[in-house]
Amino acid sequence: MPAFFADKIEATSKLRLLQIAAIGAGVGFYGPGMWLYSRIKARKDKISKAFPNALDLVQISVEAGLGFDAAINRVGNELGAWPRKLPMNFCCSNLKFRPGGTGKRPVRHGRTDGH
């Protein structure tokens, strides 16, 4: 440890060092969870705002004569400027509607629970 830090630590009282350690532990324990919660909330808000427009596009596509699976695929491919996860969710859900599928096969990353 550099001499500068060693001198600073020796000059600081034990109680003060304990307080600094407790604050650091609290931030290290709760900080990542709070950061992750805020990221999840922001993502849900983006998807919630974009979802009604996506459903409108599906409805318009179905009314225009496309099948439901083709409409889902079209909306998934045309949502490029929207939140990135929404088109991916549409494309992945379209895999479940393909002929010959039961809807319980893996969709991505080895997921086999069918949800």
C-alpha atoms as a PDB file:
ATOM      1  CA  MET A   1       0.000   0.000   0.000  1.00  0.00           C
ATOM      2  CA  PRO A   2       1.392   3.416  -0.847  1.00  0.00           C
ATOM      3  CA  ALA A   3       2.659   5.458   2.066  1.00  0.00           C
ATOM      4  CA  PHE A   4       0.133   8.227   1.366  1.00  0.00           C
ATOM      5  CA  PHE A   5      -2.828   5.891   1.904  1.00  0.00           C
ATOM      6  CA  ALA A   6      -1.218   4.211   4.901  1.00  0.00           C
ATOM      7  CA  ASP A   7      -0.790   7.612   6.588  1.00  0.00           C
ATOM      8  CA  LYS A   8      -4.395   8.574   5.834  1.00  0.00           C
ATOM      9  CA  ILE A   9      -5.733   5.292   7.215  1.00  0.00           C
ATOM     10  CA  GLU A  10      -3.659   5.574  10.398  1.00  0.00           C
ATOM     11  CA  ALA A  11      -4.855   9.143  10.914  1.00  0.00           C
ATOM     12  CA  THR A  12      -8.510   8.118  10.599  1.00  0.00           C
ATOM     13  CA  SER A  13     -10.273   6.784  13.682  1.00  0.00           C
ATOM     14  CA  LYS A  14     -11.511   3.194  13.840  1.00  0.00           C
ATOM     15  CA  LEU A  15     -15.113   4.349  14.126  1.00  0.00           C
ATOM     16  CA  ARG A  16     -14.776   6.435  10.964  1.00  0.00           C
ATOM     17  CA  LEU A  17     -13.247   3.491   9.076  1.00  0.00           C
ATOM     18  CA  LEU A  18     -16.117   1.284  10.269  1.00  0.00           C
ATOM     19  CA  GLN A  19     -18.647   3.844   9.033  1.00  0.00           C
ATOM     20  CA  ILE A  20     -16.960   4.031   5.628  1.00  0.00           C
ATOM     21  CA  ALA A  21     -16.877   0.224   5.403  1.00  0.00           C
ATOM     22  CA  ALA A  22     -20.569  -0.019   6.350  1.00  0.00           C
ATOM     23  CA  ILE A  23     -21.580   2.550   3.735  1.00  0.00           C
ATOM     24  CA  GLY A  24     -19.479   0.770   1.120  1.00  0.00           C
ATOM     25  CA  ALA A  25     -21.027  -2.568   2.031  1.00  0.00           C
ATOM     26  CA  GLY A  26     -24.531  -1.100   1.834  1.00  0.00           C
ATOM     27  CA  VAL A  27     -23.915   0.429  -1.567  1.00  0.00           C
ATOM     28  CA  GLY A  28     -22.302  -2.794  -2.777  1.00  0.00           C
ATOM     29  CA  PHE A  29     -25.197  -4.901  -1.504  1.00  0.00           C
ATOM     30  CA  TYR A  30     -28.195  -2.758  -2.479  1.00  0.00           C
ATOM     31  CA  GLY A  31     -26.746  -0.789  -5.399  1.00  0.00           C
ATOM     32  CA  PRO A  32     -26.798  -3.518  -8.062  1.00  0.00           C
ATOM     33  CA  GLY A  33     -30.355  -4.513  -7.176  1.00  0.00           C
ATOM     34  CA  MET A  34     -31.581  -0.935  -7.393  1.00  0.00           C
ATOM     35  CA  TRP A  35     -29.734  -0.417 -10.693  1.00  0.00           C
ATOM     36  CA  LEU A  36     -31.218  -3.621 -12.122  1.00  0.00           C
ATOM     37  CA  TYR A  37     -34.712  -2.684 -10.924  1.00  0.00           C
ATOM     38  CA  SER A  38     -34.472   0.692 -12.661  1.00  0.00           C
ATOM     39  CA  ARG A  39     -33.306  -0.963 -15.908  1.00  0.00           C
ATOM     40  CA  ILE A  40     -36.171  -3.472 -15.761  1.00  0.00           C
ATOM     41  CA  LYS A  41     -38.715  -0.728 -15.094  1.00  0.00           C
ATOM     42  CA  ALA A  42     -37.395   1.394 -17.982  1.00  0.00           C
ATOM     43  CA  ARG A  43     -37.544  -1.591 -20.356  1.00  0.00           C
ATOM     44  CA  LYS A  44     -41.096  -2.470 -19.294  1.00  0.00           C
ATOM     45  CA  ASP A  45     -42.173   1.144 -19.790  1.00  0.00           C
ATOM     46  CA  LYS A  46     -40.690   1.259 -23.302  1.00  0.00           C
ATOM     47  CA  ILE A  47     -42.354  -1.986 -24.296  1.00  0.00           C
ATOM     48  CA  SER A  48     -45.678  -0.946 -22.719  1.00  0.00           C
ATOM     49  CA  LYS A  49     -45.666   2.281 -24.716  1.00  0.00           C
ATOM     50  CA  ALA A  50     -44.830   0.546 -28.011  1.00  0.00           C
ATOM     51  CA  PHE A  51     -47.071  -2.517 -27.611  1.00  0.00           C
ATOM     52  CA  PRO A  52     -50.444  -0.909 -28.543  1.00  0.00           C
ATOM     53  CA  ASN A  53     -48.995   0.309 -31.845  1.00  0.00           C
ATOM     54  CA  ALA A  54     -47.619  -3.157 -32.545  1.00  0.00           C
ATOM     55  CA  LEU A  55     -51.022  -4.708 -31.880  1.00  0.00           C
ATOM     56  CA  ASP A  56     -52.622  -2.169 -34.211  1.00  0.00           C
ATOM     57  CA  LEU A  57     -50.194  -3.232 -36.934  1.00  0.00           C
ATOM     58  CA  VAL A  58     -51.061  -6.885 -36.321  1.00  0.00           C
ATOM     59  CA  GLN A  59     -54.772  -6.091 -36.532  1.00  0.00           C
ATOM     60  CA  ILE A  60     -54.350  -4.107 -39.746  1.00  0.00           C
ATOM     61  CA  SER A  61     -52.262  -6.890 -41.276  1.00  0.00           C
ATOM     62  CA  VAL A  62     -54.837  -9.544 -40.376  1.00  0.00           C
ATOM     63  CA  GLU A  63     -57.675  -7.396 -41.714  1.00  0.00           C
ATOM     64  CA  ALA A  64     -55.706  -6.947 -44.944  1.00  0.00           C
ATOM     65  CA  GLY A  65     -55.753 -10.705 -45.455  1.00  0.00           C
ATOM     66  CA  LEU A  66     -52.551 -11.973 -43.889  1.00  0.00           C
ATOM     67  CA  GLY A  67     -52.681 -14.955 -41.585  1.00  0.00           C
ATOM     68  CA  PHE A  68     -51.971 -14.391 -37.923  1.00  0.00           C
ATOM     69  CA  ASP A  69     -48.524 -15.948 -38.117  1.00  0.00           C
ATOM     70  CA  ALA A  70     -47.635 -13.890 -41.198  1.00  0.00           C
ATOM     71  CA  ALA A  71     -48.901 -10.728 -39.497  1.00  0.00           C
ATOM     72  CA  ILE A  72     -46.775 -11.418 -36.408  1.00  0.00           C
ATOM     73  CA  ASN A  73     -43.746 -12.052 -38.615  1.00  0.00           C
ATOM     74  CA  ARG A  74     -44.347  -8.864 -40.608  1.00  0.00           C
ATOM     75  CA  VAL A  75     -44.742  -6.728 -37.500  1.00  0.00           C
ATOM     76  CA  GLY A  76     -41.621  -8.303 -35.984  1.00  0.00           C
ATOM     77  CA  ASN A  77     -39.617  -7.430 -39.083  1.00  0.00           C
ATOM     78  CA  GLU A  78     -40.977  -3.888 -39.478  1.00  0.00           C
ATOM     79  CA  LEU A  79     -40.463  -2.652 -35.933  1.00  0.00           C
ATOM     80  CA  GLY A  80     -36.831  -1.673 -36.430  1.00  0.00           C
ATOM     81  CA  ALA A  81     -36.988   1.800 -34.850  1.00  0.00           C
ATOM     82  CA  TRP A  82     -38.945   0.642 -31.807  1.00  0.00           C
ATOM     83  CA  PRO A  83     -37.518  -0.783 -28.600  1.00  0.00           C
ATOM     84  CA  ARG A  84     -35.167  -3.546 -29.656  1.00  0.00           C
ATOM     85  CA  LYS A  85     -36.726  -6.300 -27.557  1.00  0.00           C
ATOM     86  CA  LEU A  86     -40.276  -5.887 -28.857  1.00  0.00           C
ATOM     87  CA  PRO A  87     -39.540  -7.015 -32.440  1.00  0.00           C
ATOM     88  CA  MET A  88     -37.447  -9.877 -31.096  1.00  0.00           C
ATOM     89  CA  ASN A  89     -40.346 -10.986 -28.896  1.00  0.00           C
ATOM     90  CA  PHE A  90     -42.672 -10.940 -31.902  1.00  0.00           C
ATOM     91  CA  CYS A  91     -40.241 -12.954 -34.011  1.00  0.00           C
ATOM     92  CA  CYS A  92     -39.649 -15.485 -31.227  1.00  0.00           C
ATOM     93  CA  SER A  93     -43.350 -15.880 -30.566  1.00  0.00           C
ATOM     94  CA  ASN A  94     -43.841 -16.448 -34.289  1.00  0.00           C
ATOM     95  CA  LEU A  95     -41.629 -19.539 -34.003  1.00  0.00           C
ATOM     96  CA  LYS A  96     -44.253 -21.080 -31.747  1.00  0.00           C
ATOM     97  CA  PHE A  97     -46.973 -20.670 -34.400  1.00  0.00           C
ATOM     98  CA  ARG A  98     -45.127 -22.408 -37.222  1.00  0.00           C
ATOM     99  CA  PRO A  99     -46.727 -25.526 -38.696  1.00  0.00           C
ATOM    100  CA  GLY A 100     -45.735 -28.757 -37.009  1.00  0.00           C
ATOM    101  CA  GLY A 101     -44.824 -27.056 -33.763  1.00  0.00           C
ATOM    102  CA  THR A 102     -46.556 -27.738 -30.495  1.00  0.00           C
ATOM    103  CA  GLY A 103     -45.591 -24.455 -28.881  1.00  0.00           C
ATOM    104  CA  LYS A 104     -43.598 -26.336 -26.254  1.00  0.00           C
ATOM    105  CA  ARG A 105     -40.311 -26.650 -28.077  1.00  0.00           C
ATOM    106  CA  PRO A 106     -37.275 -24.490 -27.228  1.00  0.00           C
ATOM    107  CA  VAL A 107     -37.494 -20.967 -28.568  1.00  0.00           C
ATOM    108  CA  ARG A 108     -34.023 -19.676 -27.753  1.00  0.00           C
ATOM    109  CA  HIS A 109     -31.024 -20.518 -25.636  1.00  0.00           C
ATOM    110  CA  GLY A 110     -32.221 -24.020 -24.809  1.00  0.00           C
ATOM    111  CA  ARG A 111     -35.366 -22.877 -23.094  1.00  0.00           C
ATOM    112  CA  THR A 112     -37.726 -25.839 -22.963  1.00  0.00           C
ATOM    113  CA  ASP A 113     -40.446 -24.780 -20.548  1.00  0.00           C
ATOM    114  CA  GLY A 114     -42.840 -23.705 -23.306  1.00  0.00           C
ATOM    115  CA  HIS A 115     -43.423 -20.154 -22.010  1.00  0.00           C
END
